[in-house]
């Protein structure tokens, strides 16, 4: 008979109280004070610790992320280059992050169902300022939090911004340098707080972004990237910047259109949707952004 006592056991997650005690060097009496406050006021342990000023909001986010193996950026590392608008990483338990996760689920169950749960998705909008880059960056981060290798590509080689959200320096090697045949090394940036997320910035702004996107090199690059990554999210220039988004959409598996509440007109959104309908690319849906 096998001796079951020698089988390895799964490590049980540490209670958040013990983790906080280690992180902040709290005494047993201080932990008891938190528990007493928690019971008296009917709040979560973390909220009680913050109320007693024995922990910060960033501490609680970090500890909850550790406890549930959820990669994020609590802000406790002052060297982090992630922008505040990356809510799924900076505020992972907020209502905004939950909305992004719901969008992630809908996309994986929708357009992702036909590809085994893998996404190759362009993000488009009618005009600048609609929040397209915000949605692209947060969606890519949320997909990576599922433990799948995810790549965010900044294909807006006119006014790039997606890379900056993750601390990628302007003008550093990126999509434009790869498509012009100059460099591949150092073009991909791994996001430290989100180990499964990689960013391919736009690179130096070229004089011919439309020609670079229309060439065979972009399609070949995407074919190679699909072999390396489970999910690819591509940020595109807005429709009012030219036809670049059409060429990106034609090569992506599907396109998600972003509109801004009280800002984007119905006619502008309808024009983008009609443009996409004339191509072979699938329309993943239209998202109303309020950020």
C-alpha atoms as a PDB file:
ATOM      1  CA  UNK A   1       0.000   0.000   0.000  1.00  0.00           C
ATOM      2  CA  UNK A   2       1.284   3.460  -0.863  1.00  0.00           C
ATOM      3  CA  UNK A   3       2.086   5.712   2.057  1.00  0.00           C
ATOM      4  CA  UNK A   4      -0.117   8.735   1.349  1.00  0.00           C
ATOM      5  CA  UNK A   5       1.657  10.771   4.022  1.00  0.00           C
ATOM      6  CA  UNK A   6       4.646  11.152   1.709  1.00  0.00           C
ATOM      7  CA  UNK A   7       2.709  12.654  -1.174  1.00  0.00           C
ATOM      8  CA  UNK A   8       3.441  16.368  -1.703  1.00  0.00           C
ATOM      9  CA  UNK A   9       0.672  18.693  -0.634  1.00  0.00           C
ATOM     10  CA  UNK A  10      -0.387  21.861  -2.383  1.00  0.00           C
ATOM     11  CA  UNK A  11       0.808  24.924  -0.522  1.00  0.00           C
ATOM     12  CA  UNK A  12      -2.107  26.687   1.106  1.00  0.00           C
ATOM     13  CA  UNK A  13      -2.376  30.430   0.458  1.00  0.00           C
ATOM     14  CA  UNK A  14      -1.343  32.590   3.385  1.00  0.00           C
ATOM     15  CA  UNK A  15      -4.135  34.568   5.070  1.00  0.00           C
ATOM     16  CA  UNK A  16      -3.971  38.245   4.165  1.00  0.00           C
ATOM     17  CA  UNK A  17      -3.486  39.129   7.852  1.00  0.00           C
ATOM     18  CA  UNK A  18      -0.267  37.140   8.086  1.00  0.00           C
ATOM     19  CA  UNK A  19       0.944  38.590   4.784  1.00  0.00           C
ATOM     20  CA  UNK A  20       0.227  42.138   5.964  1.00  0.00           C
ATOM     21  CA  UNK A  21       1.991  41.475   9.251  1.00  0.00           C
ATOM     22  CA  UNK A  22       5.109  40.419   7.352  1.00  0.00           C
ATOM     23  CA  UNK A  23       4.899  43.286   4.855  1.00  0.00           C
ATOM     24  CA  UNK A  24       4.406  46.093   7.366  1.00  0.00           C
ATOM     25  CA  UNK A  25       6.100  44.552  10.418  1.00  0.00           C
ATOM     26  CA  UNK A  26       2.902  44.686  12.488  1.00  0.00           C
ATOM     27  CA  UNK A  27       2.621  43.211  15.963  1.00  0.00           C
ATOM     28  CA  UNK A  28       0.114  40.530  16.959  1.00  0.00           C
ATOM     29  CA  UNK A  29      -1.755  43.200  18.927  1.00  0.00           C
ATOM     30  CA  UNK A  30      -2.093  45.397  15.825  1.00  0.00           C
ATOM     31  CA  UNK A  31      -3.482  42.467  13.844  1.00  0.00           C
ATOM     32  CA  UNK A  32      -5.986  41.853  16.673  1.00  0.00           C
ATOM     33  CA  UNK A  33      -6.949  45.542  16.537  1.00  0.00           C
ATOM     34  CA  UNK A  34      -7.667  45.219  12.817  1.00  0.00           C
ATOM     35  CA  UNK A  35      -9.835  42.135  13.377  1.00  0.00           C
ATOM     36  CA  UNK A  36     -11.723  43.886  16.186  1.00  0.00           C
ATOM     37  CA  UNK A  37     -12.381  46.911  13.949  1.00  0.00           C
ATOM     38  CA  UNK A  38     -13.403  44.611  11.093  1.00  0.00           C
ATOM     39  CA  UNK A  39     -16.040  42.845  13.211  1.00  0.00           C
ATOM     40  CA  UNK A  40     -17.321  46.041  14.831  1.00  0.00           C
ATOM     41  CA  UNK A  41     -17.845  47.845  11.522  1.00  0.00           C
ATOM     42  CA  UNK A  42     -18.686  44.913   9.235  1.00  0.00           C
ATOM     43  CA  UNK A  43     -15.949  45.685   6.689  1.00  0.00           C
ATOM     44  CA  UNK A  44     -13.262  43.701   4.891  1.00  0.00           C
ATOM     45  CA  UNK A  45      -9.964  43.059   6.682  1.00  0.00           C
ATOM     46  CA  UNK A  46      -8.086  45.286   4.241  1.00  0.00           C
ATOM     47  CA  UNK A  47     -10.531  48.162   4.667  1.00  0.00           C
ATOM     48  CA  UNK A  48     -10.165  47.878   8.443  1.00  0.00           C
ATOM     49  CA  UNK A  49      -6.363  47.979   8.196  1.00  0.00           C
ATOM     50  CA  UNK A  50      -6.507  51.091   5.991  1.00  0.00           C
ATOM     51  CA  UNK A  51      -9.014  52.764   8.330  1.00  0.00           C
ATOM     52  CA  UNK A  52      -6.651  52.216  11.278  1.00  0.00           C
ATOM     53  CA  UNK A  53      -3.741  53.516   9.160  1.00  0.00           C
ATOM     54  CA  UNK A  54      -1.894  50.258   9.559  1.00  0.00           C
ATOM     55  CA  UNK A  55      -1.818  49.709   5.788  1.00  0.00           C
ATOM     56  CA  UNK A  56      -2.227  51.709   2.593  1.00  0.00           C
ATOM     57  CA  UNK A  57      -4.592  51.014  -0.292  1.00  0.00           C
ATOM     58  CA  UNK A  58      -1.549  50.010  -2.353  1.00  0.00           C
ATOM     59  CA  UNK A  59      -0.552  47.474   0.322  1.00  0.00           C
ATOM     60  CA  UNK A  60      -3.966  45.807   0.192  1.00  0.00           C
ATOM     61  CA  UNK A  61      -4.025  45.666  -3.611  1.00  0.00           C
ATOM     62  CA  UNK A  62      -0.561  44.095  -3.607  1.00  0.00           C
ATOM     63  CA  UNK A  63      -1.462  41.506  -0.980  1.00  0.00           C
ATOM     64  CA  UNK A  64      -4.738  40.530  -2.631  1.00  0.00           C
ATOM     65  CA  UNK A  65      -2.934  40.169  -5.942  1.00  0.00           C
ATOM     66  CA  UNK A  66      -0.358  37.901  -4.280  1.00  0.00           C
ATOM     67  CA  UNK A  67      -3.003  35.858  -2.521  1.00  0.00           C
ATOM     68  CA  UNK A  68      -4.945  35.168  -5.708  1.00  0.00           C
ATOM     69  CA  UNK A  69      -1.905  34.995  -8.045  1.00  0.00           C
ATOM     70  CA  UNK A  70      -3.180  38.006  -9.990  1.00  0.00           C
ATOM     71  CA  UNK A  71      -0.380  40.042 -11.619  1.00  0.00           C
ATOM     72  CA  UNK A  72      -0.851  43.786 -11.257  1.00  0.00           C
ATOM     73  CA  UNK A  73       0.973  46.983 -10.303  1.00  0.00           C
ATOM     74  CA  UNK A  74       0.004  48.112  -6.827  1.00  0.00           C
ATOM     75  CA  UNK A  75       2.080  51.262  -7.022  1.00  0.00           C
ATOM     76  CA  UNK A  76       4.293  50.219  -4.110  1.00  0.00           C
ATOM     77  CA  UNK A  77       7.216  50.112  -6.559  1.00  0.00           C
ATOM     78  CA  UNK A  78       7.918  53.771  -7.264  1.00  0.00           C
ATOM     79  CA  UNK A  79      10.032  52.818 -10.278  1.00  0.00           C
ATOM     80  CA  UNK A  80       7.007  51.402 -12.152  1.00  0.00           C
ATOM     81  CA  UNK A  81       6.513  53.067 -15.516  1.00  0.00           C
ATOM     82  CA  UNK A  82       2.890  52.017 -16.004  1.00  0.00           C
ATOM     83  CA  UNK A  83       0.468  54.902 -16.528  1.00  0.00           C
ATOM     84  CA  UNK A  84      -2.451  55.448 -14.145  1.00  0.00           C
ATOM     85  CA  UNK A  85      -4.973  54.861 -16.945  1.00  0.00           C
ATOM     86  CA  UNK A  86      -3.983  51.179 -17.040  1.00  0.00           C
ATOM     87  CA  UNK A  87      -6.745  50.420 -14.564  1.00  0.00           C
ATOM     88  CA  UNK A  88      -6.624  46.610 -14.765  1.00  0.00           C
ATOM     89  CA  UNK A  89      -3.068  46.768 -13.409  1.00  0.00           C
ATOM     90  CA  UNK A  90      -3.166  49.887 -11.235  1.00  0.00           C
ATOM     91  CA  UNK A  91      -6.690  49.459  -9.815  1.00  0.00           C
ATOM     92  CA  UNK A  92      -7.397  45.751 -10.418  1.00  0.00           C
ATOM     93  CA  UNK A  93     -10.393  45.555  -8.072  1.00  0.00           C
ATOM     94  CA  UNK A  94     -12.124  48.725  -9.306  1.00  0.00           C
ATOM     95  CA  UNK A  95     -15.386  48.931 -11.256  1.00  0.00           C
ATOM     96  CA  UNK A  96     -13.452  50.100 -14.314  1.00  0.00           C
ATOM     97  CA  UNK A  97     -11.213  47.034 -14.257  1.00  0.00           C
ATOM     98  CA  UNK A  98     -14.253  44.791 -13.889  1.00  0.00           C
ATOM     99  CA  UNK A  99     -15.805  46.331 -17.023  1.00  0.00           C
ATOM    100  CA  UNK A 100     -12.619  45.593 -18.985  1.00  0.00           C
ATOM    101  CA  UNK A 101     -12.652  41.997 -17.735  1.00  0.00           C
ATOM    102  CA  UNK A 102     -16.276  41.658 -18.836  1.00  0.00           C
ATOM    103  CA  UNK A 103     -15.293  42.925 -22.301  1.00  0.00           C
ATOM    104  CA  UNK A 104     -12.470  40.377 -22.338  1.00  0.00           C
ATOM    105  CA  UNK A 105     -14.923  37.587 -21.570  1.00  0.00           C
ATOM    106  CA  UNK A 106     -17.354  38.664 -24.281  1.00  0.00           C
ATOM    107  CA  UNK A 107     -14.590  38.772 -26.887  1.00  0.00           C
ATOM    108  CA  UNK A 108     -13.172  35.373 -25.930  1.00  0.00           C
ATOM    109  CA  UNK A 109     -16.635  33.799 -25.998  1.00  0.00           C
ATOM    110  CA  UNK A 110     -17.535  35.651 -29.201  1.00  0.00           C
ATOM    111  CA  UNK A 111     -14.933  36.109 -31.932  1.00  0.00           C
ATOM    112  CA  UNK A 112     -12.409  34.056 -29.974  1.00  0.00           C
ATOM    113  CA  UNK A 113     -14.622  30.969 -29.969  1.00  0.00           C
ATOM    114  CA  UNK A 114     -13.853  30.243 -33.627  1.00  0.00           C
ATOM    115  CA  UNK A 115     -10.091  30.308 -33.019  1.00  0.00           C
ATOM    116  CA  UNK A 116      -9.797  28.193 -29.900  1.00  0.00           C
ATOM    117  CA  UNK A 117      -9.998  31.177 -27.589  1.00  0.00           C
ATOM    118  CA  UNK A 118      -7.146  33.048 -29.281  1.00  0.00           C
ATOM    119  CA  UNK A 119      -7.580  36.679 -30.301  1.00  0.00           C
ATOM    120  CA  UNK A 120      -5.997  38.713 -33.083  1.00  0.00           C
ATOM    121  CA  UNK A 121      -7.876  41.953 -32.682  1.00  0.00           C
ATOM    122  CA  UNK A 122      -7.582  45.455 -34.138  1.00  0.00           C
ATOM    123  CA  UNK A 123      -8.978  48.353 -32.117  1.00  0.00           C
ATOM    124  CA  UNK A 124     -10.450  51.160 -34.247  1.00  0.00           C
ATOM    125  CA  UNK A 125     -12.358  54.402 -33.696  1.00  0.00           C
ATOM    126  CA  UNK A 126     -13.956  57.138 -35.741  1.00  0.00           C
ATOM    127  CA  UNK A 127     -11.915  60.004 -34.368  1.00  0.00           C
ATOM    128  CA  UNK A 128      -9.043  60.869 -32.081  1.00  0.00           C
ATOM    129  CA  UNK A 129      -9.933  61.199 -28.414  1.00  0.00           C
ATOM    130  CA  UNK A 130     -12.456  58.347 -28.385  1.00  0.00           C
ATOM    131  CA  UNK A 131     -10.381  56.325 -25.904  1.00  0.00           C
ATOM    132  CA  UNK A 132      -9.302  53.658 -28.368  1.00  0.00           C
ATOM    133  CA  UNK A 133      -5.783  53.404 -26.951  1.00  0.00           C
ATOM    134  CA  UNK A 134      -7.120  53.210 -23.398  1.00  0.00           C
ATOM    135  CA  UNK A 135      -9.291  50.227 -24.379  1.00  0.00           C
ATOM    136  CA  UNK A 136      -6.492  48.541 -26.353  1.00  0.00           C
ATOM    137  CA  UNK A 137      -3.945  48.839 -23.535  1.00  0.00           C
ATOM    138  CA  UNK A 138      -6.297  47.673 -20.793  1.00  0.00           C
ATOM    139  CA  UNK A 139      -7.697  44.825 -22.870  1.00  0.00           C
ATOM    140  CA  UNK A 140      -4.202  43.550 -23.679  1.00  0.00           C
ATOM    141  CA  UNK A 141      -3.234  43.732 -20.004  1.00  0.00           C
ATOM    142  CA  UNK A 142      -6.413  41.913 -18.960  1.00  0.00           C
ATOM    143  CA  UNK A 143      -5.801  39.132 -21.485  1.00  0.00           C
ATOM    144  CA  UNK A 144      -2.262  38.679 -20.151  1.00  0.00           C
ATOM    145  CA  UNK A 145      -3.625  38.342 -16.608  1.00  0.00           C
ATOM    146  CA  UNK A 146      -5.236  35.066 -17.707  1.00  0.00           C
ATOM    147  CA  UNK A 147      -1.727  33.639 -17.997  1.00  0.00           C
ATOM    148  CA  UNK A 148      -1.606  33.684 -21.814  1.00  0.00           C
ATOM    149  CA  UNK A 149       1.218  35.298 -23.795  1.00  0.00           C
ATOM    150  CA  UNK A 150      -0.225  38.570 -25.065  1.00  0.00           C
ATOM    151  CA  UNK A 151       1.199  41.227 -27.377  1.00  0.00           C
ATOM    152  CA  UNK A 152       0.044  44.813 -27.738  1.00  0.00           C
ATOM    153  CA  UNK A 153       1.080  46.308 -31.086  1.00  0.00           C
ATOM    154  CA  UNK A 154       1.016  50.075 -31.564  1.00  0.00           C
ATOM    155  CA  UNK A 155       0.200  50.379 -35.274  1.00  0.00           C
ATOM    156  CA  UNK A 156      -0.551  54.092 -34.945  1.00  0.00           C
ATOM    157  CA  UNK A 157       2.606  55.304 -36.640  1.00  0.00           C
ATOM    158  CA  UNK A 158       1.210  58.820 -37.008  1.00  0.00           C
ATOM    159  CA  UNK A 159       0.619  59.795 -33.371  1.00  0.00           C
ATOM    160  CA  UNK A 160       1.618  56.752 -31.278  1.00  0.00           C
ATOM    161  CA  UNK A 161       0.661  56.590 -27.622  1.00  0.00           C
ATOM    162  CA  UNK A 162       0.090  52.952 -26.629  1.00  0.00           C
ATOM    163  CA  UNK A 163       3.765  52.314 -25.911  1.00  0.00           C
ATOM    164  CA  UNK A 164       3.991  55.309 -23.579  1.00  0.00           C
ATOM    165  CA  UNK A 165       1.325  53.788 -21.304  1.00  0.00           C
ATOM    166  CA  UNK A 166       3.825  51.008 -20.572  1.00  0.00           C
ATOM    167  CA  UNK A 167       6.893  53.215 -20.339  1.00  0.00           C
ATOM    168  CA  UNK A 168       8.232  52.511 -23.847  1.00  0.00           C
ATOM    169  CA  UNK A 169      10.331  55.513 -24.827  1.00  0.00           C
ATOM    170  CA  UNK A 170       9.258  57.557 -27.843  1.00  0.00           C
ATOM    171  CA  UNK A 171      11.322  56.760 -30.901  1.00  0.00           C
ATOM    172  CA  UNK A 172      12.677  53.482 -29.560  1.00  0.00           C
ATOM    173  CA  UNK A 173      12.786  50.527 -31.999  1.00  0.00           C
ATOM    174  CA  UNK A 174       9.312  49.287 -32.842  1.00  0.00           C
ATOM    175  CA  UNK A 175       6.913  48.460 -35.649  1.00  0.00           C
ATOM    176  CA  UNK A 176       8.211  51.063 -38.100  1.00  0.00           C
ATOM    177  CA  UNK A 177      11.804  49.862 -37.742  1.00  0.00           C
ATOM    178  CA  UNK A 178      10.793  46.235 -38.275  1.00  0.00           C
ATOM    179  CA  UNK A 179       8.665  47.006 -41.341  1.00  0.00           C
ATOM    180  CA  UNK A 180      11.439  49.106 -42.846  1.00  0.00           C
ATOM    181  CA  UNK A 181      13.775  46.130 -42.450  1.00  0.00           C
ATOM    182  CA  UNK A 182      16.171  47.841 -40.084  1.00  0.00           C
ATOM    183  CA  UNK A 183      15.908  46.089 -36.706  1.00  0.00           C
ATOM    184  CA  UNK A 184      14.100  43.329 -34.861  1.00  0.00           C
ATOM    185  CA  UNK A 185      16.200  43.044 -31.717  1.00  0.00           C
ATOM    186  CA  UNK A 186      15.091  45.160 -28.752  1.00  0.00           C
ATOM    187  CA  UNK A 187      11.787  46.048 -30.452  1.00  0.00           C
ATOM    188  CA  UNK A 188       9.666  43.941 -28.090  1.00  0.00           C
ATOM    189  CA  UNK A 189       9.304  45.094 -24.480  1.00  0.00           C
ATOM    190  CA  UNK A 190       8.197  42.784 -21.676  1.00  0.00           C
ATOM    191  CA  UNK A 191       6.053  44.551 -19.069  1.00  0.00           C
ATOM    192  CA  UNK A 192       7.662  43.819 -15.703  1.00  0.00           C
ATOM    193  CA  UNK A 193       4.571  43.807 -13.407  1.00  0.00           C
ATOM    194  CA  UNK A 194       2.645  41.749 -16.018  1.00  0.00           C
ATOM    195  CA  UNK A 195       4.992  38.930 -17.014  1.00  0.00           C
ATOM    196  CA  UNK A 196       2.818  37.586 -19.836  1.00  0.00           C
ATOM    197  CA  UNK A 197       2.409  40.963 -21.554  1.00  0.00           C
ATOM    198  CA  UNK A 198       4.703  42.275 -24.289  1.00  0.00           C
ATOM    199  CA  UNK A 199       4.529  45.593 -26.141  1.00  0.00           C
ATOM    200  CA  UNK A 200       5.672  46.382 -29.668  1.00  0.00           C
ATOM    201  CA  UNK A 201       5.748  50.163 -29.859  1.00  0.00           C
ATOM    202  CA  UNK A 202       5.193  52.142 -33.041  1.00  0.00           C
ATOM    203  CA  UNK A 203       8.877  53.009 -33.369  1.00  0.00           C
ATOM    204  CA  UNK A 204      10.146  56.286 -34.845  1.00  0.00           C
ATOM    205  CA  UNK A 205       7.368  58.069 -36.751  1.00  0.00           C
ATOM    206  CA  UNK A 206       7.991  57.296 -40.456  1.00  0.00           C
ATOM    207  CA  UNK A 207       7.088  59.503 -43.443  1.00  0.00           C
ATOM    208  CA  UNK A 208       5.161  56.637 -45.078  1.00  0.00           C
ATOM    209  CA  UNK A 209       3.068  54.764 -42.458  1.00  0.00           C
ATOM    210  CA  UNK A 210       0.379  53.807 -44.964  1.00  0.00           C
ATOM    211  CA  UNK A 211       2.860  52.181 -47.340  1.00  0.00           C
ATOM    212  CA  UNK A 212       4.510  50.263 -44.485  1.00  0.00           C
ATOM    213  CA  UNK A 213       1.151  48.860 -43.327  1.00  0.00           C
ATOM    214  CA  UNK A 214       0.039  48.020 -46.858  1.00  0.00           C
ATOM    215  CA  UNK A 215       3.208  46.139 -47.725  1.00  0.00           C
ATOM    216  CA  UNK A 216       3.576  42.387 -47.490  1.00  0.00           C
ATOM    217  CA  UNK A 217       5.933  42.757 -44.543  1.00  0.00           C
ATOM    218  CA  UNK A 218       3.156  43.667 -42.117  1.00  0.00           C
ATOM    219  CA  UNK A 219       1.082  40.621 -43.016  1.00  0.00           C
ATOM    220  CA  UNK A 220       4.102  38.338 -42.761  1.00  0.00           C
ATOM    221  CA  UNK A 221       4.983  39.854 -39.388  1.00  0.00           C
ATOM    222  CA  UNK A 222       1.499  39.204 -38.017  1.00  0.00           C
ATOM    223  CA  UNK A 223       1.634  35.612 -39.262  1.00  0.00           C
ATOM    224  CA  UNK A 224       4.860  35.093 -37.314  1.00  0.00           C
ATOM    225  CA  UNK A 225       3.542  36.835 -34.209  1.00  0.00           C
ATOM    226  CA  UNK A 226       0.474  34.580 -34.125  1.00  0.00           C
ATOM    227  CA  UNK A 227       2.833  31.628 -33.717  1.00  0.00           C
ATOM    228  CA  UNK A 228       4.524  33.265 -30.739  1.00  0.00           C
ATOM    229  CA  UNK A 229       1.573  34.799 -28.878  1.00  0.00           C
ATOM    230  CA  UNK A 230      -1.836  33.567 -27.766  1.00  0.00           C
ATOM    231  CA  UNK A 231      -3.424  37.008 -28.079  1.00  0.00           C
ATOM    232  CA  UNK A 232      -2.540  40.034 -30.200  1.00  0.00           C
ATOM    233  CA  UNK A 233      -4.204  43.415 -29.715  1.00  0.00           C
ATOM    234  CA  UNK A 234      -3.422  46.096 -32.310  1.00  0.00           C
ATOM    235  CA  UNK A 235      -3.992  49.781 -31.679  1.00  0.00           C
ATOM    236  CA  UNK A 236      -4.703  51.694 -34.905  1.00  0.00           C
ATOM    237  CA  UNK A 237      -4.933  55.347 -35.962  1.00  0.00           C
ATOM    238  CA  UNK A 238      -8.432  56.807 -35.806  1.00  0.00           C
ATOM    239  CA  UNK A 239     -10.467  56.839 -38.994  1.00  0.00           C
ATOM    240  CA  UNK A 240     -10.211  60.620 -39.261  1.00  0.00           C
ATOM    241  CA  UNK A 241      -6.418  60.264 -39.539  1.00  0.00           C
ATOM    242  CA  UNK A 242      -6.595  58.366 -42.819  1.00  0.00           C
ATOM    243  CA  UNK A 243      -7.142  54.826 -44.062  1.00  0.00           C
ATOM    244  CA  UNK A 244      -4.395  53.132 -42.027  1.00  0.00           C
ATOM    245  CA  UNK A 245      -6.948  51.421 -39.787  1.00  0.00           C
ATOM    246  CA  UNK A 246      -8.504  49.655 -42.789  1.00  0.00           C
ATOM    247  CA  UNK A 247      -5.221  47.981 -43.696  1.00  0.00           C
ATOM    248  CA  UNK A 248      -4.641  46.867 -40.118  1.00  0.00           C
ATOM    249  CA  UNK A 249      -8.213  45.592 -39.834  1.00  0.00           C
ATOM    250  CA  UNK A 250      -7.876  43.650 -43.085  1.00  0.00           C
ATOM    251  CA  UNK A 251      -4.987  41.677 -41.610  1.00  0.00           C
ATOM    252  CA  UNK A 252      -6.321  41.202 -38.077  1.00  0.00           C
ATOM    253  CA  UNK A 253      -8.782  38.475 -37.215  1.00  0.00           C
ATOM    254  CA  UNK A 254     -11.483  40.903 -36.079  1.00  0.00           C
ATOM    255  CA  UNK A 255     -11.961  44.578 -35.237  1.00  0.00           C
ATOM    256  CA  UNK A 256     -13.454  46.219 -32.170  1.00  0.00           C
ATOM    257  CA  UNK A 257     -14.762  49.769 -32.697  1.00  0.00           C
ATOM    258  CA  UNK A 258     -14.550  52.242 -29.804  1.00  0.00           C
ATOM    259  CA  UNK A 259     -16.825  55.275 -29.481  1.00  0.00           C
ATOM    260  CA  UNK A 260     -16.920  57.941 -26.778  1.00  0.00           C
ATOM    261  CA  UNK A 261     -20.108  58.735 -24.952  1.00  0.00           C
ATOM    262  CA  UNK A 262     -21.433  62.260 -25.690  1.00  0.00           C
ATOM    263  CA  UNK A 263     -18.540  62.817 -28.084  1.00  0.00           C
ATOM    264  CA  UNK A 264     -18.683  60.462 -31.070  1.00  0.00           C
ATOM    265  CA  UNK A 265     -21.582  60.933 -33.465  1.00  0.00           C
ATOM    266  CA  UNK A 266     -23.686  58.010 -34.598  1.00  0.00           C
ATOM    267  CA  UNK A 267     -22.919  58.795 -38.239  1.00  0.00           C
ATOM    268  CA  UNK A 268     -19.158  58.679 -37.588  1.00  0.00           C
ATOM    269  CA  UNK A 269     -19.396  55.270 -35.928  1.00  0.00           C
ATOM    270  CA  UNK A 270     -21.720  53.973 -38.646  1.00  0.00           C
ATOM    271  CA  UNK A 271     -19.223  55.050 -41.310  1.00  0.00           C
ATOM    272  CA  UNK A 272     -16.425  53.040 -39.656  1.00  0.00           C
ATOM    273  CA  UNK A 273     -18.668  49.986 -39.287  1.00  0.00           C
ATOM    274  CA  UNK A 274     -19.751  50.207 -42.948  1.00  0.00           C
ATOM    275  CA  UNK A 275     -16.135  50.483 -44.033  1.00  0.00           C
ATOM    276  CA  UNK A 276     -15.251  47.338 -42.109  1.00  0.00           C
ATOM    277  CA  UNK A 277     -18.308  45.532 -43.494  1.00  0.00           C
ATOM    278  CA  UNK A 278     -16.946  45.951 -47.012  1.00  0.00           C
ATOM    279  CA  UNK A 279     -13.876  43.906 -46.093  1.00  0.00           C
ATOM    280  CA  UNK A 280     -13.354  40.322 -45.013  1.00  0.00           C
ATOM    281  CA  UNK A 281     -12.554  41.285 -41.432  1.00  0.00           C
ATOM    282  CA  UNK A 282     -15.081  40.323 -38.742  1.00  0.00           C
ATOM    283  CA  UNK A 283     -16.663  43.044 -36.619  1.00  0.00           C
ATOM    284  CA  UNK A 284     -16.197  42.089 -32.964  1.00  0.00           C
ATOM    285  CA  UNK A 285     -18.569  44.806 -31.780  1.00  0.00           C
ATOM    286  CA  UNK A 286     -18.810  48.458 -30.771  1.00  0.00           C
ATOM    287  CA  UNK A 287     -17.794  49.641 -27.295  1.00  0.00           C
ATOM    288  CA  UNK A 288     -19.015  52.865 -25.698  1.00  0.00           C
ATOM    289  CA  UNK A 289     -16.190  54.394 -23.682  1.00  0.00           C
ATOM    290  CA  UNK A 290     -16.762  56.786 -20.779  1.00  0.00           C
ATOM    291  CA  UNK A 291     -13.193  56.990 -19.459  1.00  0.00           C
END
